[in-house]
Amino acid sequence: MKGTLSTVKKAPPLLRDGASVILTGSSAATAGMSAFIAYSATKVAIRNFARGWIVDLPPWRIGVNVLVPGSTSTPVRHTAAPNEDFHQKMMEMESVAAPLGRVAEPDDIAAANAALFHA
């Protein structure tokens, strides 16, 4: 959180009008999970940073978005929770926030970021 806060606070003079700040959020910010209490708290903070920056950054015409990718197939995901039952429960919890209806691939997230960046 400290890195995100420091970076975005110092970025406006370095960015062009119409630039985008895209933060990575998580569905953990809206659904508490006992195994991810600290992680969930940081993602709540990211959402609230974005809400504040939406108010603070308009003089620079900088857009702020929070991308919430949902379950994504990454090495960390498989290392942290290799149990397939856990992955299924995650998908059930995220069913509303998972428009793909499946675990996302990193390329899916990259495409969503590119779309926000060019919006």
PDB file of N, CA and C in Angstrom:
ATOM      1  N   MET A   1       0.813  -1.188   0.000  1.00  0.00           N
ATOM      2  CA  MET A   1       0.000   0.000   0.000  1.00  0.00           C
ATOM      3  C   MET A   1       0.859   1.255   0.000  1.00  0.00           C
ATOM      4  N   LYS A   2       1.928   1.226   0.788  1.00  0.00           N
ATOM      5  CA  LYS A   2       2.788   2.406   0.868  1.00  0.00           C
ATOM      6  C   LYS A   2       3.383   2.747  -0.492  1.00  0.00           C
ATOM      7  N   GLY A   3       3.804   1.734  -1.239  1.00  0.00           N
ATOM      8  CA  GLY A   3       4.365   1.962  -2.564  1.00  0.00           C
ATOM      9  C   GLY A   3       3.349   2.547  -3.527  1.00  0.00           C
ATOM     10  N   THR A   4       2.138   2.021  -3.484  1.00  0.00           N
ATOM     11  CA  THR A   4       1.070   2.539  -4.349  1.00  0.00           C
ATOM     12  C   THR A   4       0.767   3.987  -3.992  1.00  0.00           C
ATOM     13  N   LEU A   5       0.619   4.255  -2.715  1.00  0.00           N
ATOM     14  CA  LEU A   5       0.319   5.610  -2.265  1.00  0.00           C
ATOM     15  C   LEU A   5       1.409   6.590  -2.679  1.00  0.00           C
ATOM     16  N   SER A   6       2.662   6.240  -2.421  1.00  0.00           N
ATOM     17  CA  SER A   6       3.778   7.138  -2.750  1.00  0.00           C
ATOM     18  C   SER A   6       3.891   7.375  -4.252  1.00  0.00           C
ATOM     19  N   THR A   7       3.730   6.315  -5.031  1.00  0.00           N
ATOM     20  CA  THR A   7       3.865   6.438  -6.485  1.00  0.00           C
ATOM     21  C   THR A   7       2.793   7.339  -7.075  1.00  0.00           C
ATOM     22  N   VAL A   8       1.550   7.083  -6.720  1.00  0.00           N
ATOM     23  CA  VAL A   8       0.458   7.867  -7.320  1.00  0.00           C
ATOM     24  C   VAL A   8       0.483   9.312  -6.832  1.00  0.00           C
ATOM     25  N   LYS A   9       0.884   9.542  -5.584  1.00  0.00           N
ATOM     26  CA  LYS A   9       0.964  10.914  -5.084  1.00  0.00           C
ATOM     27  C   LYS A   9       1.988  11.736  -5.865  1.00  0.00           C
ATOM     28  N   LYS A  10       3.080  11.092  -6.301  1.00  0.00           N
ATOM     29  CA  LYS A  10       4.136  11.830  -7.002  1.00  0.00           C
ATOM     30  C   LYS A  10       3.983  11.821  -8.516  1.00  0.00           C
ATOM     31  N   ALA A  11       3.061  11.041  -9.029  1.00  0.00           N
ATOM     32  CA  ALA A  11       2.953  10.853 -10.481  1.00  0.00           C
ATOM     33  C   ALA A  11       2.340  12.015 -11.263  1.00  0.00           C
ATOM     34  N   PRO A  12       1.343  12.741 -10.769  1.00  0.00           N
ATOM     35  CA  PRO A  12       0.655  13.712 -11.626  1.00  0.00           C
ATOM     36  C   PRO A  12       1.534  14.659 -12.428  1.00  0.00           C
ATOM     37  N   PRO A  13       2.556  15.266 -11.844  1.00  0.00           N
ATOM     38  CA  PRO A  13       3.369  16.180 -12.663  1.00  0.00           C
ATOM     39  C   PRO A  13       4.144  15.469 -13.778  1.00  0.00           C
ATOM     40  N   LEU A  14       4.305  14.159 -13.656  1.00  0.00           N
ATOM     41  CA  LEU A  14       5.063  13.393 -14.643  1.00  0.00           C
ATOM     42  C   LEU A  14       4.190  12.815 -15.758  1.00  0.00           C
ATOM     43  N   LEU A  15       2.866  12.871 -15.572  1.00  0.00           N
ATOM     44  CA  LEU A  15       1.943  12.271 -16.533  1.00  0.00           C
ATOM     45  C   LEU A  15       1.331  13.318 -17.446  1.00  0.00           C
ATOM     46  N   ARG A  16       0.953  12.889 -18.629  1.00  0.00           N
ATOM     47  CA  ARG A  16       0.273  13.790 -19.570  1.00  0.00           C
ATOM     48  C   ARG A  16      -1.211  13.881 -19.235  1.00  0.00           C
ATOM     49  N   ASP A  17      -1.845  14.971 -19.671  1.00  0.00           N
ATOM     50  CA  ASP A  17      -3.294  15.071 -19.537  1.00  0.00           C
ATOM     51  C   ASP A  17      -3.924  13.855 -20.202  1.00  0.00           C
ATOM     52  N   GLY A  18      -4.941  13.307 -19.560  1.00  0.00           N
ATOM     53  CA  GLY A  18      -5.638  12.158 -20.106  1.00  0.00           C
ATOM     54  C   GLY A  18      -5.004  10.823 -19.745  1.00  0.00           C
ATOM     55  N   ALA A  19      -3.951  10.853 -18.931  1.00  0.00           N
ATOM     56  CA  ALA A  19      -3.288   9.609 -18.533  1.00  0.00           C
ATOM     57  C   ALA A  19      -4.220   8.781 -17.648  1.00  0.00           C
ATOM     58  N   SER A  20      -3.867   7.522 -17.490  1.00  0.00           N
ATOM     59  CA  SER A  20      -4.648   6.611 -16.658  1.00  0.00           C
ATOM     60  C   SER A  20      -3.788   6.023 -15.554  1.00  0.00           C
ATOM     61  N   VAL A  21      -4.378   5.925 -14.377  1.00  0.00           N
ATOM     62  CA  VAL A  21      -3.789   5.174 -13.279  1.00  0.00           C
ATOM     63  C   VAL A  21      -4.682   3.955 -13.118  1.00  0.00           C
ATOM     64  N   ILE A  22      -4.102   2.776 -13.261  1.00  0.00           N
ATOM     65  CA  ILE A  22      -4.865   1.539 -13.147  1.00  0.00           C
ATOM     66  C   ILE A  22      -4.304   0.763 -11.966  1.00  0.00           C
ATOM     67  N   LEU A  23      -5.135   0.589 -10.962  1.00  0.00           N
ATOM     68  CA  LEU A  23      -4.745  -0.128  -9.757  1.00  0.00           C
ATOM     69  C   LEU A  23      -5.325  -1.542  -9.818  1.00  0.00           C
ATOM     70  N   THR A  24      -4.654  -2.485  -9.197  1.00  0.00           N
ATOM     71  CA  THR A  24      -5.164  -3.850  -9.180  1.00  0.00           C
ATOM     72  C   THR A  24      -5.857  -4.103  -7.852  1.00  0.00           C
ATOM     73  N   GLY A  25      -7.136  -4.385  -7.953  1.00  0.00           N
ATOM     74  CA  GLY A  25      -7.940  -4.682  -6.775  1.00  0.00           C
ATOM     75  C   GLY A  25      -8.164  -6.173  -6.641  1.00  0.00           C
ATOM     76  N   SER A  26      -9.130  -6.541  -5.815  1.00  0.00           N
ATOM     77  CA  SER A  26      -9.442  -7.940  -5.598  1.00  0.00           C
ATOM     78  C   SER A  26     -10.855  -8.060  -5.060  1.00  0.00           C
ATOM     79  N   SER A  27     -11.511  -9.158  -5.406  1.00  0.00           N
ATOM     80  CA  SER A  27     -12.827  -9.421  -4.830  1.00  0.00           C
ATOM     81  C   SER A  27     -12.700  -9.656  -3.327  1.00  0.00           C
ATOM     82  N   ALA A  28     -11.496  -9.894  -2.845  1.00  0.00           N
ATOM     83  CA  ALA A  28     -11.266 -10.035  -1.407  1.00  0.00           C
ATOM     84  C   ALA A  28     -11.579  -8.742  -0.664  1.00  0.00           C
ATOM     85  N   ALA A  29     -11.669  -7.632  -1.373  1.00  0.00           N
ATOM     86  CA  ALA A  29     -11.996  -6.356  -0.739  1.00  0.00           C
ATOM     87  C   ALA A  29     -13.462  -6.287  -0.339  1.00  0.00           C
ATOM     88  N   THR A  30     -14.284  -7.147  -0.911  1.00  0.00           N
ATOM     89  CA  THR A  30     -15.717  -7.101  -0.604  1.00  0.00           C
ATOM     90  C   THR A  30     -16.224  -8.357   0.094  1.00  0.00           C
ATOM     91  N   ALA A  31     -15.414  -9.410   0.120  1.00  0.00           N
ATOM     92  CA  ALA A  31     -15.817 -10.662   0.755  1.00  0.00           C
ATOM     93  C   ALA A  31     -14.686 -11.106   1.670  1.00  0.00           C
ATOM     94  N   GLY A  32     -14.928 -11.062   2.963  1.00  0.00           N
ATOM     95  CA  GLY A  32     -13.889 -11.444   3.906  1.00  0.00           C
ATOM     96  C   GLY A  32     -13.577 -12.937   3.850  1.00  0.00           C
ATOM     97  N   MET A  33     -12.309 -13.251   3.948  1.00  0.00           N
ATOM     98  CA  MET A  33     -11.874 -14.641   3.975  1.00  0.00           C
ATOM     99  C   MET A  33     -10.832 -14.762   5.078  1.00  0.00           C
ATOM    100  N   SER A  34     -11.039 -15.660   6.015  1.00  0.00           N
ATOM    101  CA  SER A  34     -10.158 -15.738   7.183  1.00  0.00           C
ATOM    102  C   SER A  34      -8.700 -15.965   6.813  1.00  0.00           C
ATOM    103  N   ALA A  35      -8.437 -16.664   5.727  1.00  0.00           N
ATOM    104  CA  ALA A  35      -7.046 -16.927   5.345  1.00  0.00           C
ATOM    105  C   ALA A  35      -6.377 -15.716   4.698  1.00  0.00           C
ATOM    106  N   PHE A  36      -7.165 -14.686   4.369  1.00  0.00           N
ATOM    107  CA  PHE A  36      -6.627 -13.543   3.626  1.00  0.00           C
ATOM    108  C   PHE A  36      -6.973 -12.209   4.279  1.00  0.00           C
ATOM    109  N   ILE A  37      -6.945 -12.150   5.595  1.00  0.00           N
ATOM    110  CA  ILE A  37      -7.374 -10.934   6.289  1.00  0.00           C
ATOM    111  C   ILE A  37      -6.504  -9.730   5.920  1.00  0.00           C
ATOM    112  N   ALA A  38      -5.199  -9.852   6.004  1.00  0.00           N
ATOM    113  CA  ALA A  38      -4.316  -8.723   5.690  1.00  0.00           C
ATOM    114  C   ALA A  38      -4.419  -8.368   4.207  1.00  0.00           C
ATOM    115  N   TYR A  39      -4.432  -9.380   3.341  1.00  0.00           N
ATOM    116  CA  TYR A  39      -4.562  -9.139   1.898  1.00  0.00           C
ATOM    117  C   TYR A  39      -5.858  -8.384   1.599  1.00  0.00           C
ATOM    118  N   SER A  40      -6.967  -8.836   2.205  1.00  0.00           N
ATOM    119  CA  SER A  40      -8.255  -8.172   1.995  1.00  0.00           C
ATOM    120  C   SER A  40      -8.199  -6.716   2.434  1.00  0.00           C
ATOM    121  N   ALA A  41      -7.566  -6.466   3.561  1.00  0.00           N
ATOM    122  CA  ALA A  41      -7.466  -5.096   4.070  1.00  0.00           C
ATOM    123  C   ALA A  41      -6.697  -4.205   3.105  1.00  0.00           C
ATOM    124  N   THR A  42      -5.621  -4.732   2.511  1.00  0.00           N
ATOM    125  CA  THR A  42      -4.857  -3.907   1.572  1.00  0.00           C
ATOM    126  C   THR A  42      -5.676  -3.598   0.327  1.00  0.00           C
ATOM    127  N   LYS A  43      -6.503  -4.530  -0.106  1.00  0.00           N
ATOM    128  CA  LYS A  43      -7.310  -4.298  -1.311  1.00  0.00           C
ATOM    129  C   LYS A  43      -8.457  -3.332  -1.033  1.00  0.00           C
ATOM    130  N   VAL A  44      -8.967  -3.319   0.196  1.00  0.00           N
ATOM    131  CA  VAL A  44      -9.940  -2.291   0.584  1.00  0.00           C
ATOM    132  C   VAL A  44      -9.267  -0.922   0.520  1.00  0.00           C
ATOM    133  N   ALA A  45      -8.042  -0.847   1.000  1.00  0.00           N
ATOM    134  CA  ALA A  45      -7.296   0.418   0.955  1.00  0.00           C
ATOM    135  C   ALA A  45      -7.094   0.880  -0.484  1.00  0.00           C
ATOM    136  N   ILE A  46      -6.766  -0.039  -1.389  1.00  0.00           N
ATOM    137  CA  ILE A  46      -6.585   0.326  -2.801  1.00  0.00           C
ATOM    138  C   ILE A  46      -7.862   0.929  -3.359  1.00  0.00           C
ATOM    139  N   ARG A  47      -9.001   0.317  -3.070  1.00  0.00           N
ATOM    140  CA  ARG A  47     -10.283   0.869  -3.556  1.00  0.00           C
ATOM    141  C   ARG A  47     -10.514   2.276  -3.014  1.00  0.00           C
ATOM    142  N   ASN A  48     -10.179   2.484  -1.745  1.00  0.00           N
ATOM    143  CA  ASN A  48     -10.394   3.809  -1.158  1.00  0.00           C
ATOM    144  C   ASN A  48      -9.379   4.827  -1.633  1.00  0.00           C
ATOM    145  N   PHE A  49      -8.151   4.402  -1.906  1.00  0.00           N
ATOM    146  CA  PHE A  49      -7.197   5.315  -2.546  1.00  0.00           C
ATOM    147  C   PHE A  49      -7.792   5.804  -3.859  1.00  0.00           C
ATOM    148  N   ALA A  50      -8.306   4.886  -4.647  1.00  0.00           N
ATOM    149  CA  ALA A  50      -8.872   5.249  -5.953  1.00  0.00           C
ATOM    150  C   ALA A  50     -10.011   6.244  -5.789  1.00  0.00           C
ATOM    151  N   ARG A  51     -10.865   6.022  -4.835  1.00  0.00           N
ATOM    152  CA  ARG A  51     -11.995   6.945  -4.610  1.00  0.00           C
ATOM    153  C   ARG A  51     -11.496   8.352  -4.285  1.00  0.00           C
ATOM    154  N   GLY A  52     -10.456   8.424  -3.478  1.00  0.00           N
ATOM    155  CA  GLY A  52      -9.894   9.738  -3.153  1.00  0.00           C
ATOM    156  C   GLY A  52      -9.215  10.378  -4.349  1.00  0.00           C
ATOM    157  N   TRP A  53      -8.463   9.588  -5.106  1.00  0.00           N
ATOM    158  CA  TRP A  53      -7.756  10.139  -6.259  1.00  0.00           C
ATOM    159  C   TRP A  53      -8.698  10.567  -7.371  1.00  0.00           C
ATOM    160  N   ILE A  54      -9.852   9.937  -7.465  1.00  0.00           N
ATOM    161  CA  ILE A  54     -10.838  10.372  -8.457  1.00  0.00           C
ATOM    162  C   ILE A  54     -11.233  11.819  -8.182  1.00  0.00           C
ATOM    163  N   VAL A  55     -11.268  12.179  -6.928  1.00  0.00           N
ATOM    164  CA  VAL A  55     -11.597  13.551  -6.525  1.00  0.00           C
ATOM    165  C   VAL A  55     -10.388  14.475  -6.675  1.00  0.00           C
ATOM    166  N   ASP A  56      -9.198  13.997  -6.338  1.00  0.00           N
ATOM    167  CA  ASP A  56      -7.997  14.833  -6.308  1.00  0.00           C
ATOM    168  C   ASP A  56      -7.316  15.048  -7.662  1.00  0.00           C
ATOM    169  N   LEU A  57      -7.437  14.108  -8.588  1.00  0.00           N
ATOM    170  CA  LEU A  57      -6.643  14.173  -9.816  1.00  0.00           C
ATOM    171  C   LEU A  57      -7.289  14.867 -11.018  1.00  0.00           C
ATOM    172  N   PRO A  58      -8.560  15.263 -10.985  1.00  0.00           N
ATOM    173  CA  PRO A  58      -9.134  15.911 -12.173  1.00  0.00           C
ATOM    174  C   PRO A  58      -8.384  17.121 -12.711  1.00  0.00           C
ATOM    175  N   PRO A  59      -7.721  17.944 -11.886  1.00  0.00           N
ATOM    176  CA  PRO A  59      -6.992  19.067 -12.478  1.00  0.00           C
ATOM    177  C   PRO A  59      -5.956  18.624 -13.510  1.00  0.00           C
ATOM    178  N   TRP A  60      -5.478  17.391 -13.374  1.00  0.00           N
ATOM    179  CA  TRP A  60      -4.494  16.869 -14.330  1.00  0.00           C
ATOM    180  C   TRP A  60      -5.158  16.004 -15.407  1.00  0.00           C
ATOM    181  N   ARG A  61      -6.474  15.881 -15.366  1.00  0.00           N
ATOM    182  CA  ARG A  61      -7.227  15.022 -16.311  1.00  0.00           C
ATOM    183  C   ARG A  61      -6.662  13.598 -16.320  1.00  0.00           C
ATOM    184  N   ILE A  62      -6.437  13.075 -15.125  1.00  0.00           N
ATOM    185  CA  ILE A  62      -5.923  11.715 -14.968  1.00  0.00           C
ATOM    186  C   ILE A  62      -7.072  10.825 -14.513  1.00  0.00           C
ATOM    187  N   GLY A  63      -7.315   9.766 -15.246  1.00  0.00           N
ATOM    188  CA  GLY A  63      -8.349   8.809 -14.876  1.00  0.00           C
ATOM    189  C   GLY A  63      -7.805   7.797 -13.881  1.00  0.00           C
ATOM    190  N   VAL A  64      -8.678   7.321 -13.028  1.00  0.00           N
ATOM    191  CA  VAL A  64      -8.295   6.314 -12.042  1.00  0.00           C
ATOM    192  C   VAL A  64      -9.290   5.161 -12.129  1.00  0.00           C
ATOM    193  N   ASN A  65      -8.768   3.951 -12.284  1.00  0.00           N
ATOM    194  CA  ASN A  65      -9.600   2.750 -12.325  1.00  0.00           C
ATOM    195  C   ASN A  65      -8.991   1.687 -11.424  1.00  0.00           C
ATOM    196  N   VAL A  66      -9.859   0.824 -10.921  1.00  0.00           N
ATOM    197  CA  VAL A  66      -9.413  -0.343 -10.169  1.00  0.00           C
ATOM    198  C   VAL A  66      -9.869  -1.567 -10.949  1.00  0.00           C
ATOM    199  N   LEU A  67      -8.925  -2.344 -11.397  1.00  0.00           N
ATOM    200  CA  LEU A  67      -9.207  -3.580 -12.121  1.00  0.00           C
ATOM    201  C   LEU A  67      -9.252  -4.710 -11.100  1.00  0.00           C
ATOM    202  N   VAL A  68     -10.381  -5.429 -11.063  1.00  0.00           N
ATOM    203  CA  VAL A  68     -10.561  -6.549 -10.141  1.00  0.00           C
ATOM    204  C   VAL A  68     -10.652  -7.821 -10.972  1.00  0.00           C
ATOM    205  N   PRO A  69      -9.518  -8.484 -11.165  1.00  0.00           N
ATOM    206  CA  PRO A  69      -9.487  -9.594 -12.108  1.00  0.00           C
ATOM    207  C   PRO A  69     -10.136 -10.895 -11.652  1.00  0.00           C
ATOM    208  N   GLY A  70     -10.329 -11.096 -10.372  1.00  0.00           N
ATOM    209  CA  GLY A  70     -10.838 -12.383  -9.912  1.00  0.00           C
ATOM    210  C   GLY A  70      -9.744 -13.437  -9.970  1.00  0.00           C
ATOM    211  N   SER A  71     -10.133 -14.690  -9.831  1.00  0.00           N
ATOM    212  CA  SER A  71      -9.148 -15.776  -9.828  1.00  0.00           C
ATOM    213  C   SER A  71      -8.383 -15.790 -11.133  1.00  0.00           C
ATOM    214  N   THR A  72      -7.068 -15.790 -11.016  1.00  0.00           N
ATOM    215  CA  THR A  72      -6.195 -15.782 -12.187  1.00  0.00           C
ATOM    216  C   THR A  72      -5.165 -16.895 -12.040  1.00  0.00           C
ATOM    217  N   SER A  73      -4.947 -17.604 -13.111  1.00  0.00           N
ATOM    218  CA  SER A  73      -4.009 -18.721 -13.112  1.00  0.00           C
ATOM    219  C   SER A  73      -2.581 -18.185 -13.118  1.00  0.00           C
ATOM    220  N   THR A  74      -1.983 -18.150 -11.950  1.00  0.00           N
ATOM    221  CA  THR A  74      -0.599 -17.701 -11.804  1.00  0.00           C
ATOM    222  C   THR A  74       0.151 -18.722 -10.954  1.00  0.00           C
ATOM    223  N   PRO A  75       1.461 -18.736 -11.016  1.00  0.00           N
ATOM    224  CA  PRO A  75       2.224 -19.656 -10.167  1.00  0.00           C
ATOM    225  C   PRO A  75       1.933 -19.463  -8.679  1.00  0.00           C
ATOM    226  N   VAL A  76       1.756 -18.233  -8.245  1.00  0.00           N
ATOM    227  CA  VAL A  76       1.478 -17.982  -6.831  1.00  0.00           C
ATOM    228  C   VAL A  76       0.143 -18.606  -6.436  1.00  0.00           C
ATOM    229  N   ARG A  77      -0.847 -18.478  -7.274  1.00  0.00           N
ATOM    230  CA  ARG A  77      -2.165 -19.059  -6.986  1.00  0.00           C
ATOM    231  C   ARG A  77      -2.047 -20.559  -6.775  1.00  0.00           C
ATOM    232  N   HIS A  78      -1.302 -21.218  -7.606  1.00  0.00           N
ATOM    233  CA  HIS A  78      -1.173 -22.667  -7.509  1.00  0.00           C
ATOM    234  C   HIS A  78      -0.298 -23.091  -6.334  1.00  0.00           C
ATOM    235  N   THR A  79       0.671 -22.273  -5.972  1.00  0.00           N
ATOM    236  CA  THR A  79       1.543 -22.586  -4.841  1.00  0.00           C
ATOM    237  C   THR A  79       0.816 -22.356  -3.523  1.00  0.00           C
ATOM    238  N   ALA A  80       0.098 -21.248  -3.437  1.00  0.00           N
ATOM    239  CA  ALA A  80      -0.575 -20.877  -2.192  1.00  0.00           C
ATOM    240  C   ALA A  80      -1.758 -21.784  -1.885  1.00  0.00           C
ATOM    241  N   ALA A  81      -2.427 -22.262  -2.913  1.00  0.00           N
ATOM    242  CA  ALA A  81      -3.633 -23.066  -2.702  1.00  0.00           C
ATOM    243  C   ALA A  81      -3.751 -24.116  -3.806  1.00  0.00           C
ATOM    244  N   PRO A  82      -2.945 -25.162  -3.730  1.00  0.00           N
ATOM    245  CA  PRO A  82      -2.956 -26.157  -4.796  1.00  0.00           C
ATOM    246  C   PRO A  82      -4.180 -27.060  -4.793  1.00  0.00           C
ATOM    247  N   ASN A  83      -5.022 -26.968  -3.782  1.00  0.00           N
ATOM    248  CA  ASN A  83      -6.205 -27.810  -3.662  1.00  0.00           C
ATOM    249  C   ASN A  83      -7.309 -27.348  -4.613  1.00  0.00           C
ATOM    250  N   GLU A  84      -7.782 -28.218  -5.465  1.00  0.00           N
ATOM    251  CA  GLU A  84      -8.801 -27.849  -6.464  1.00  0.00           C
ATOM    252  C   GLU A  84     -10.139 -27.483  -5.820  1.00  0.00           C
ATOM    253  N   ASP A  85     -10.464 -28.065  -4.659  1.00  0.00           N
ATOM    254  CA  ASP A  85     -11.697 -27.688  -3.954  1.00  0.00           C
ATOM    255  C   ASP A  85     -11.652 -26.214  -3.556  1.00  0.00           C
ATOM    256  N   PHE A  86     -10.490 -25.770  -3.108  1.00  0.00           N
ATOM    257  CA  PHE A  86     -10.332 -24.368  -2.744  1.00  0.00           C
ATOM    258  C   PHE A  86     -10.579 -23.477  -3.964  1.00  0.00           C
ATOM    259  N   HIS A  87     -10.004 -23.854  -5.110  1.00  0.00           N
ATOM    260  CA  HIS A  87     -10.186 -23.064  -6.328  1.00  0.00           C
ATOM    261  C   HIS A  87     -11.661 -23.016  -6.719  1.00  0.00           C
ATOM    262  N   GLN A  88     -12.369 -24.108  -6.571  1.00  0.00           N
ATOM    263  CA  GLN A  88     -13.798 -24.136  -6.902  1.00  0.00           C
ATOM    264  C   GLN A  88     -14.576 -23.206  -5.975  1.00  0.00           C
ATOM    265  N   LYS A  89     -14.260 -23.222  -4.688  1.00  0.00           N
ATOM    266  CA  LYS A  89     -14.930 -22.325  -3.739  1.00  0.00           C
ATOM    267  C   LYS A  89     -14.648 -20.866  -4.098  1.00  0.00           C
ATOM    268  N   MET A  90     -13.415 -20.576  -4.495  1.00  0.00           N
ATOM    269  CA  MET A  90     -13.079 -19.215  -4.918  1.00  0.00           C
ATOM    270  C   MET A  90     -13.944 -18.797  -6.109  1.00  0.00           C
ATOM    271  N   MET A  91     -14.083 -19.668  -7.072  1.00  0.00           N
ATOM    272  CA  MET A  91     -14.890 -19.353  -8.261  1.00  0.00           C
ATOM    273  C   MET A  91     -16.347 -19.139  -7.881  1.00  0.00           C
ATOM    274  N   GLU A  92     -16.870 -19.929  -6.962  1.00  0.00           N
ATOM    275  CA  GLU A  92     -18.260 -19.759  -6.520  1.00  0.00           C
ATOM    276  C   GLU A  92     -18.435 -18.414  -5.839  1.00  0.00           C
ATOM    277  N   MET A  93     -17.479 -18.029  -4.981  1.00  0.00           N
ATOM    278  CA  MET A  93     -17.549 -16.729  -4.313  1.00  0.00           C
ATOM    279  C   MET A  93     -17.483 -15.590  -5.320  1.00  0.00           C
ATOM    280  N   GLU A  94     -16.692 -15.763  -6.365  1.00  0.00           N
ATOM    281  CA  GLU A  94     -16.449 -14.697  -7.325  1.00  0.00           C
ATOM    282  C   GLU A  94     -17.359 -14.776  -8.542  1.00  0.00           C
ATOM    283  N   SER A  95     -18.372 -15.624  -8.515  1.00  0.00           N
ATOM    284  CA  SER A  95     -19.170 -15.852  -9.721  1.00  0.00           C
ATOM    285  C   SER A  95     -19.747 -14.565 -10.297  1.00  0.00           C
ATOM    286  N   VAL A  96     -20.120 -13.638  -9.455  1.00  0.00           N
ATOM    287  CA  VAL A  96     -20.654 -12.369  -9.956  1.00  0.00           C
ATOM    288  C   VAL A  96     -19.545 -11.524 -10.556  1.00  0.00           C
ATOM    289  N   ALA A  97     -18.347 -11.608  -9.967  1.00  0.00           N
ATOM    290  CA  ALA A  97     -17.224 -10.770 -10.400  1.00  0.00           C
ATOM    291  C   ALA A  97     -16.334 -11.463 -11.428  1.00  0.00           C
ATOM    292  N   ALA A  98     -16.748 -12.646 -11.906  1.00  0.00           N
ATOM    293  CA  ALA A  98     -15.928 -13.381 -12.867  1.00  0.00           C
ATOM    294  C   ALA A  98     -16.681 -13.512 -14.190  1.00  0.00           C
ATOM    295  N   PRO A  99     -16.700 -12.458 -14.976  1.00  0.00           N
ATOM    296  CA  PRO A  99     -17.482 -12.483 -16.212  1.00  0.00           C
ATOM    297  C   PRO A  99     -17.030 -13.550 -17.206  1.00  0.00           C
ATOM    298  N   LEU A 100     -15.800 -14.011 -17.092  1.00  0.00           N
ATOM    299  CA  LEU A 100     -15.330 -15.051 -18.003  1.00  0.00           C
ATOM    300  C   LEU A 100     -15.930 -16.409 -17.658  1.00  0.00           C
ATOM    301  N   GLY A 101     -16.410 -16.553 -16.413  1.00  0.00           N
ATOM    302  CA  GLY A 101     -16.973 -17.820 -15.987  1.00  0.00           C
ATOM    303  C   GLY A 101     -15.920 -18.904 -15.805  1.00  0.00           C
ATOM    304  N   ARG A 102     -14.670 -18.523 -15.723  1.00  0.00           N
ATOM    305  CA  ARG A 102     -13.559 -19.458 -15.552  1.00  0.00           C
ATOM    306  C   ARG A 102     -12.413 -18.703 -14.896  1.00  0.00           C
ATOM    307  N   VAL A 103     -11.417 -19.435 -14.492  1.00  0.00           N
ATOM    308  CA  VAL A 103     -10.204 -18.808 -13.963  1.00  0.00           C
ATOM    309  C   VAL A 103      -9.541 -18.065 -15.115  1.00  0.00           C
ATOM    310  N   ALA A 104      -9.209 -16.824 -14.880  1.00  0.00           N
ATOM    311  CA  ALA A 104      -8.590 -16.001 -15.925  1.00  0.00           C
ATOM    312  C   ALA A 104      -7.133 -16.402 -16.139  1.00  0.00           C
ATOM    313  N   GLU A 105      -6.653 -16.127 -17.318  1.00  0.00           N
ATOM    314  CA  GLU A 105      -5.243 -16.298 -17.648  1.00  0.00           C
ATOM    315  C   GLU A 105      -4.577 -14.914 -17.593  1.00  0.00           C
ATOM    316  N   PRO A 106      -3.280 -14.850 -17.356  1.00  0.00           N
ATOM    317  CA  PRO A 106      -2.600 -13.548 -17.317  1.00  0.00           C
ATOM    318  C   PRO A 106      -2.850 -12.698 -18.565  1.00  0.00           C
ATOM    319  N   ASP A 107      -2.958 -13.315 -19.733  1.00  0.00           N
ATOM    320  CA  ASP A 107      -3.232 -12.545 -20.955  1.00  0.00           C
ATOM    321  C   ASP A 107      -4.600 -11.877 -20.908  1.00  0.00           C
ATOM    322  N   ASP A 108      -5.572 -12.492 -20.233  1.00  0.00           N
ATOM    323  CA  ASP A 108      -6.896 -11.879 -20.078  1.00  0.00           C
ATOM    324  C   ASP A 108      -6.789 -10.584 -19.278  1.00  0.00           C
ATOM    325  N   ILE A 109      -5.980 -10.617 -18.232  1.00  0.00           N
ATOM    326  CA  ILE A 109      -5.806  -9.444 -17.380  1.00  0.00           C
ATOM    327  C   ILE A 109      -5.050  -8.352 -18.116  1.00  0.00           C
ATOM    328  N   ALA A 110      -4.050  -8.753 -18.879  1.00  0.00           N
ATOM    329  CA  ALA A 110      -3.294  -7.781 -19.681  1.00  0.00           C
ATOM    330  C   ALA A 110      -4.220  -7.086 -20.688  1.00  0.00           C
ATOM    331  N   ALA A 111      -5.120  -7.834 -21.294  1.00  0.00           N
ATOM    332  CA  ALA A 111      -6.060  -7.244 -22.263  1.00  0.00           C
ATOM    333  C   ALA A 111      -7.007  -6.266 -21.575  1.00  0.00           C
ATOM    334  N   ALA A 112      -7.472  -6.610 -20.381  1.00  0.00           N
ATOM    335  CA  ALA A 112      -8.352  -5.700 -19.637  1.00  0.00           C
ATOM    336  C   ALA A 112      -7.605  -4.427 -19.266  1.00  0.00           C
ATOM    337  N   ASN A 113      -6.358  -4.548 -18.830  1.00  0.00           N
ATOM    338  CA  ASN A 113      -5.552  -3.367 -18.512  1.00  0.00           C
ATOM    339  C   ASN A 113      -5.371  -2.490 -19.748  1.00  0.00           C
ATOM    340  N   ALA A 114      -5.084  -3.099 -20.880  1.00  0.00           N
ATOM    341  CA  ALA A 114      -4.901  -2.332 -22.115  1.00  0.00           C
ATOM    342  C   ALA A 114      -6.176  -1.599 -22.478  1.00  0.00           C
ATOM    343  N   ALA A 115      -7.309  -2.248 -22.302  1.00  0.00           N
ATOM    344  CA  ALA A 115      -8.590  -1.603 -22.614  1.00  0.00           C
ATOM    345  C   ALA A 115      -8.844  -0.400 -21.703  1.00  0.00           C
ATOM    346  N   LEU A 116      -8.518  -0.525 -20.420  1.00  0.00           N
ATOM    347  CA  LEU A 116      -8.685   0.619 -19.502  1.00  0.00           C
ATOM    348  C   LEU A 116      -7.708   1.729 -19.846  1.00  0.00           C
ATOM    349  N   PHE A 117      -6.501   1.366 -20.180  1.00  0.00           N
ATOM    350  CA  PHE A 117      -5.470   2.348 -20.496  1.00  0.00           C
ATOM    351  C   PHE A 117      -5.876   3.191 -21.707  1.00  0.00           C
ATOM    352  N   HIS A 118      -6.527   2.570 -22.683  1.00  0.00           N
ATOM    353  CA  HIS A 118      -6.900   3.274 -23.906  1.00  0.00           C
ATOM    354  C   HIS A 118      -8.306   3.836 -23.854  1.00  0.00           C
ATOM    355  N   ALA A 119      -8.995   3.666 -22.727  1.00  0.00           N
ATOM    356  CA  ALA A 119     -10.377   4.165 -22.615  1.00  0.00           C
ATOM    357  C   ALA A 119     -10.403   5.665 -22.490  1.00  0.00           C
TER     358      ALA A 119
END
